[in-house]
């Protein structure tokens, strides 16, 4: 069935001005501050939850655009950015730690995501994994190390319901939520967030490259066990890691 919607209907543009790389925070309020880490930052467009700016890295145009919260709006963003010409996408967001080694303020690089959400079920069966692009992930690791970030690389948990995670006892399926959460923790999930699975599955379907770097706000499991649990809300380091990773990818492409 052919869509009746014009191209770029949600994000507000169909031309990324030559940008093949996009940095994707969830929060529209974070877009400008990320763009100002680039050269020649300037406003591009705004529609719904999608605010976008442009900047440059080594002469290459880079787009910064918010995706809003959750899988549906992230999937729309990826679909429409692909139409606009973007080829590589790096999510820059926040997460809550699950592994006891993840502290508030740490950087988490998600090489894969647990598909505990609904959006990707309309793209691929649950047996198909949500996996990051290896080159993008490697660039994020190199960037984090160059910036001396305390970083973790591994699987993250991706869900739709924020309060289903943080207050499962009041949900009608409390037992199922808690049982699965315990399983993810025991299996080694590093942290929980809400967009990476959609990013990876939709990007893979469209043959785009995607990666994800997150800043841990705190650790739910450390709090539950009464362990020291730092709160951190400054995402600057994760943003710098993402920008540095783009530089690495661009330099590799030029070479």
Protein backbone atom coordinates (compact mmCIF):
# COMPACT_ATOMS: atom_id res chain seq x y z
CA UNK A 1 0.00 0.00 0.00
CA UNK A 2 1.44 3.39 -0.98
CA UNK A 3 1.64 6.02 1.75
CA UNK A 4 -0.48 9.14 1.35
CA UNK A 5 1.97 11.12 3.50
CA UNK A 6 4.51 13.47 1.90
CA UNK A 7 8.16 12.57 2.37
CA UNK A 8 9.64 14.03 5.54
CA UNK A 9 6.13 14.53 6.95
CA UNK A 10 7.17 14.09 10.58
CA UNK A 11 10.74 15.39 10.77
CA UNK A 12 9.90 18.49 8.72
CA UNK A 13 12.46 18.14 5.91
CA UNK A 14 13.44 15.85 3.07
CA UNK A 15 16.93 17.22 2.48
CA UNK A 16 19.65 16.72 5.10
CA UNK A 17 21.85 19.20 3.21
CA UNK A 18 24.37 16.52 2.31
CA UNK A 19 24.63 15.11 5.84
CA UNK A 20 25.39 11.38 5.77
CA UNK A 21 25.92 11.27 9.53
CA UNK A 22 23.31 12.02 12.20
CA UNK A 23 23.60 12.32 15.97
CA UNK A 24 20.28 11.42 17.61
CA UNK A 25 19.48 12.53 21.16
CA UNK A 26 15.98 11.79 22.41
CA UNK A 27 15.49 15.19 24.02
CA UNK A 28 14.86 18.19 21.70
CA UNK A 29 16.39 20.38 24.39
CA UNK A 30 19.75 18.66 23.94
CA UNK A 31 20.06 19.20 20.19
CA UNK A 32 21.54 22.69 20.17
CA UNK A 33 24.14 21.90 22.84
CA UNK A 34 25.34 18.88 20.83
CA UNK A 35 25.38 20.89 17.59
CA UNK A 36 27.59 23.48 19.29
CA UNK A 37 30.25 20.79 19.72
CA UNK A 38 30.47 20.81 15.90
CA UNK A 39 31.88 23.47 13.57
CA UNK A 40 29.51 26.07 12.13
CA UNK A 41 26.36 24.98 14.01
CA UNK A 42 23.04 26.26 12.68
CA UNK A 43 19.35 25.53 13.08
CA UNK A 44 17.78 23.35 10.39
CA UNK A 45 14.15 22.46 11.16
CA UNK A 46 11.60 21.80 13.89
CA UNK A 47 8.39 19.76 13.74
CA UNK A 48 6.69 17.81 16.54
CA UNK A 49 9.39 16.12 18.67
CA UNK A 50 11.95 16.46 15.88
CA UNK A 51 14.29 19.42 16.29
CA UNK A 52 17.31 19.44 13.99
CA UNK A 53 20.51 21.41 13.62
CA UNK A 54 23.42 21.09 11.20
CA UNK A 55 27.12 21.37 11.83
CA UNK A 56 30.39 20.20 10.34
CA UNK A 57 33.18 17.80 11.24
CA UNK A 58 36.31 18.06 9.13
CA UNK A 59 34.37 19.63 6.28
CA UNK A 60 31.66 16.93 6.38
CA UNK A 61 28.10 18.03 7.17
CA UNK A 62 26.61 16.33 10.25
CA UNK A 63 22.96 16.45 11.32
CA UNK A 64 21.84 16.54 14.95
CA UNK A 65 18.16 15.63 15.44
CA UNK A 66 16.01 14.65 18.40
CA UNK A 67 13.90 11.50 18.17
CA UNK A 68 11.58 11.98 21.13
CA UNK A 69 11.01 9.17 23.61
CA UNK A 70 10.50 5.54 22.68
CA UNK A 71 10.55 3.23 19.71
CA UNK A 72 7.72 4.56 17.51
CA UNK A 73 9.13 8.08 17.16
CA UNK A 74 12.65 6.70 16.74
CA UNK A 75 11.53 4.40 13.93
CA UNK A 76 9.85 7.31 12.15
CA UNK A 77 13.01 9.38 12.52
CA UNK A 78 15.20 6.66 11.01
CA UNK A 79 12.79 6.03 8.13
CA UNK A 80 12.61 9.70 7.17
CA UNK A 81 16.30 10.40 7.70
CA UNK A 82 17.07 7.58 5.28
CA UNK A 83 14.92 9.34 2.68
CA UNK A 84 16.83 12.57 3.40
CA UNK A 85 20.14 10.86 2.63
CA UNK A 86 21.55 9.98 6.06
CA UNK A 87 23.60 6.75 6.10
CA UNK A 88 25.08 6.55 9.62
CA UNK A 89 23.15 7.15 12.84
CA UNK A 90 24.51 7.51 16.39
CA UNK A 91 22.05 7.64 19.25
CA UNK A 92 23.21 9.81 22.18
CA UNK A 93 21.05 9.28 25.22
CA UNK A 94 20.68 8.34 28.86
CA UNK A 95 20.07 5.05 30.61
CA UNK A 96 19.67 3.49 34.03
CA UNK A 97 22.31 1.01 35.12
CA UNK A 98 21.43 -2.65 35.66
CA UNK A 99 24.84 -4.29 36.03
CA UNK A 100 26.30 -3.43 39.43
CA UNK A 101 29.49 -2.17 37.79
CA UNK A 102 27.68 0.63 35.94
CA UNK A 103 27.74 3.83 38.00
CA UNK A 104 26.01 7.13 37.44
CA UNK A 105 28.11 9.19 35.03
CA UNK A 106 29.56 6.15 33.28
CA UNK A 107 29.36 5.78 29.51
CA UNK A 108 27.53 2.74 28.14
CA UNK A 109 28.09 1.71 24.52
CA UNK A 110 25.29 -0.60 23.39
CA UNK A 111 26.45 -3.26 20.96
CA UNK A 112 23.02 -4.91 21.04
CA UNK A 113 19.58 -4.41 22.58
CA UNK A 114 16.99 -6.67 24.19
CA UNK A 115 13.78 -6.19 22.20
CA UNK A 116 11.41 -5.78 25.14
CA UNK A 117 9.35 -3.24 23.18
CA UNK A 118 6.69 -3.30 20.50
CA UNK A 119 7.89 -1.23 17.55
CA UNK A 120 10.39 -3.69 16.12
CA UNK A 121 7.82 -6.51 16.04
CA UNK A 122 6.37 -4.75 13.01
CA UNK A 123 9.75 -5.04 11.26
CA UNK A 124 11.24 -8.43 12.15
CA UNK A 125 10.42 -11.53 14.22
CA UNK A 126 11.64 -11.45 17.82
CA UNK A 127 14.23 -14.10 17.00
CA UNK A 128 16.07 -11.52 14.87
CA UNK A 129 18.58 -9.65 17.07
CA UNK A 130 18.86 -5.88 17.43
CA UNK A 131 22.58 -5.35 16.86
CA UNK A 132 24.71 -2.25 16.35
CA UNK A 133 26.99 -1.75 13.38
CA UNK A 134 30.49 -3.01 14.26
CA UNK A 135 32.40 -0.08 12.71
CA UNK A 136 30.24 2.47 14.54
CA UNK A 137 30.59 0.59 17.82
CA UNK A 138 34.36 0.35 17.43
CA UNK A 139 34.54 4.09 16.72
CA UNK A 140 32.55 4.80 19.89
CA UNK A 141 34.91 2.62 21.93
CA UNK A 142 37.97 4.38 20.48
CA UNK A 143 36.37 7.77 21.15
CA UNK A 144 35.49 6.89 24.75
CA UNK A 145 39.02 5.70 25.42
CA UNK A 146 40.51 8.82 23.82
CA UNK A 147 38.42 10.91 26.21
CA UNK A 148 39.36 8.72 29.21
CA UNK A 149 35.71 7.89 29.82
CA UNK A 150 34.71 5.18 32.28
CA UNK A 151 32.94 3.03 29.71
CA UNK A 152 31.12 -0.28 29.40
CA UNK A 153 30.31 -2.14 26.18
CA UNK A 154 27.52 -4.68 25.96
CA UNK A 155 23.82 -5.43 25.77
CA UNK A 156 21.17 -2.98 26.95
CA UNK A 157 17.53 -3.57 27.82
CA UNK A 158 15.06 -1.64 25.66
CA UNK A 159 11.48 -1.20 26.82
CA UNK A 160 8.36 0.85 26.08
CA UNK A 161 7.08 1.53 29.61
CA UNK A 162 9.25 3.70 31.83
CA UNK A 163 6.96 3.18 34.81
CA UNK A 164 6.59 -0.52 34.09
CA UNK A 165 10.30 -0.71 34.84
CA UNK A 166 10.40 1.60 37.83
CA UNK A 167 7.11 0.62 39.47
CA UNK A 168 6.34 -2.91 38.23
CA UNK A 169 4.49 -3.97 41.41
CA UNK A 170 1.42 -1.88 40.56
CA UNK A 171 1.12 -3.27 37.03
CA UNK A 172 -1.35 -6.11 36.27
CA UNK A 173 1.57 -8.17 34.89
CA UNK A 174 3.87 -7.42 37.82
CA UNK A 175 5.14 -10.98 38.10
CA UNK A 176 6.08 -11.18 34.43
CA UNK A 177 7.83 -7.81 34.47
CA UNK A 178 9.88 -8.62 37.56
CA UNK A 179 10.75 -12.12 36.38
CA UNK A 180 12.03 -10.88 33.03
CA UNK A 181 13.92 -8.00 34.62
CA UNK A 182 15.70 -10.44 36.94
CA UNK A 183 16.55 -12.61 33.92
CA UNK A 184 18.05 -9.67 32.00
CA UNK A 185 20.17 -8.73 35.02
CA UNK A 186 21.37 -12.29 35.53
CA UNK A 187 22.16 -12.60 31.82
CA UNK A 188 24.44 -9.55 31.95
CA UNK A 189 22.42 -6.60 30.63
CA UNK A 190 24.32 -3.39 31.38
CA UNK A 191 21.56 -0.81 31.44
CA UNK A 192 17.99 0.03 30.44
CA UNK A 193 16.72 2.63 27.96
CA UNK A 194 13.95 3.06 25.36
CA UNK A 195 15.22 3.67 21.82
CA UNK A 196 18.16 1.48 20.81
CA UNK A 197 16.22 -1.60 19.66
CA UNK A 198 14.12 0.43 17.22
CA UNK A 199 17.20 2.26 15.98
CA UNK A 200 19.08 -0.97 15.29
CA UNK A 201 16.27 -2.96 13.70
CA UNK A 202 14.99 -0.15 11.46
CA UNK A 203 18.51 0.91 10.46
CA UNK A 204 19.40 -2.68 9.64
CA UNK A 205 16.26 -3.09 7.57
CA UNK A 206 17.19 0.03 5.58
CA UNK A 207 20.86 -1.04 5.34
CA UNK A 208 22.08 1.91 7.38
CA UNK A 209 24.82 1.92 10.02
CA UNK A 210 23.81 2.60 13.62
CA UNK A 211 25.38 2.77 17.05
CA UNK A 212 24.45 4.03 20.50
CA UNK A 213 26.26 5.73 23.37
CA UNK A 214 24.49 6.41 26.66
CA UNK A 215 25.22 8.19 29.91
CA UNK A 216 24.10 6.26 32.99
CA UNK A 217 21.95 8.47 35.21
CA UNK A 218 22.00 6.05 38.15
CA UNK A 219 21.75 2.31 38.85
CA UNK A 220 18.43 0.78 39.85
CA UNK A 221 20.00 -2.45 41.07
CA UNK A 222 22.57 -0.68 43.23
CA UNK A 223 19.73 1.35 44.76
CA UNK A 224 17.73 -1.82 45.46
CA UNK A 225 20.70 -3.39 47.26
CA UNK A 226 21.51 -0.25 49.26
CA UNK A 227 24.88 0.20 47.56
CA UNK A 228 26.52 3.59 46.85
CA UNK A 229 24.64 4.99 43.88
CA UNK A 230 25.79 8.18 42.20
CA UNK A 231 23.21 10.36 40.42
CA UNK A 232 24.43 12.09 37.25
CA UNK A 233 22.48 14.24 34.80
CA UNK A 234 25.32 15.81 32.81
CA UNK A 235 25.36 14.19 29.34
CA UNK A 236 28.31 16.22 28.05
CA UNK A 237 30.78 13.34 28.06
CA UNK A 238 28.49 10.98 26.11
CA UNK A 239 27.87 13.78 23.59
CA UNK A 240 31.62 14.37 23.19
CA UNK A 241 32.15 10.63 22.70
CA UNK A 242 29.55 10.61 19.91
CA UNK A 243 31.11 13.61 18.16
CA UNK A 244 34.59 12.11 18.42
CA UNK A 245 33.27 8.83 17.01
CA UNK A 246 31.87 10.68 14.00
CA UNK A 247 35.30 12.24 13.47
CA UNK A 248 36.89 8.78 13.54
CA UNK A 249 34.37 7.41 11.05
CA UNK A 250 34.78 10.38 8.70
CA UNK A 251 38.60 10.13 8.83
CA UNK A 252 38.39 6.43 8.04
CA UNK A 253 36.07 7.13 5.12
CA UNK A 254 38.40 9.80 3.72
CA UNK A 255 41.40 7.49 4.01
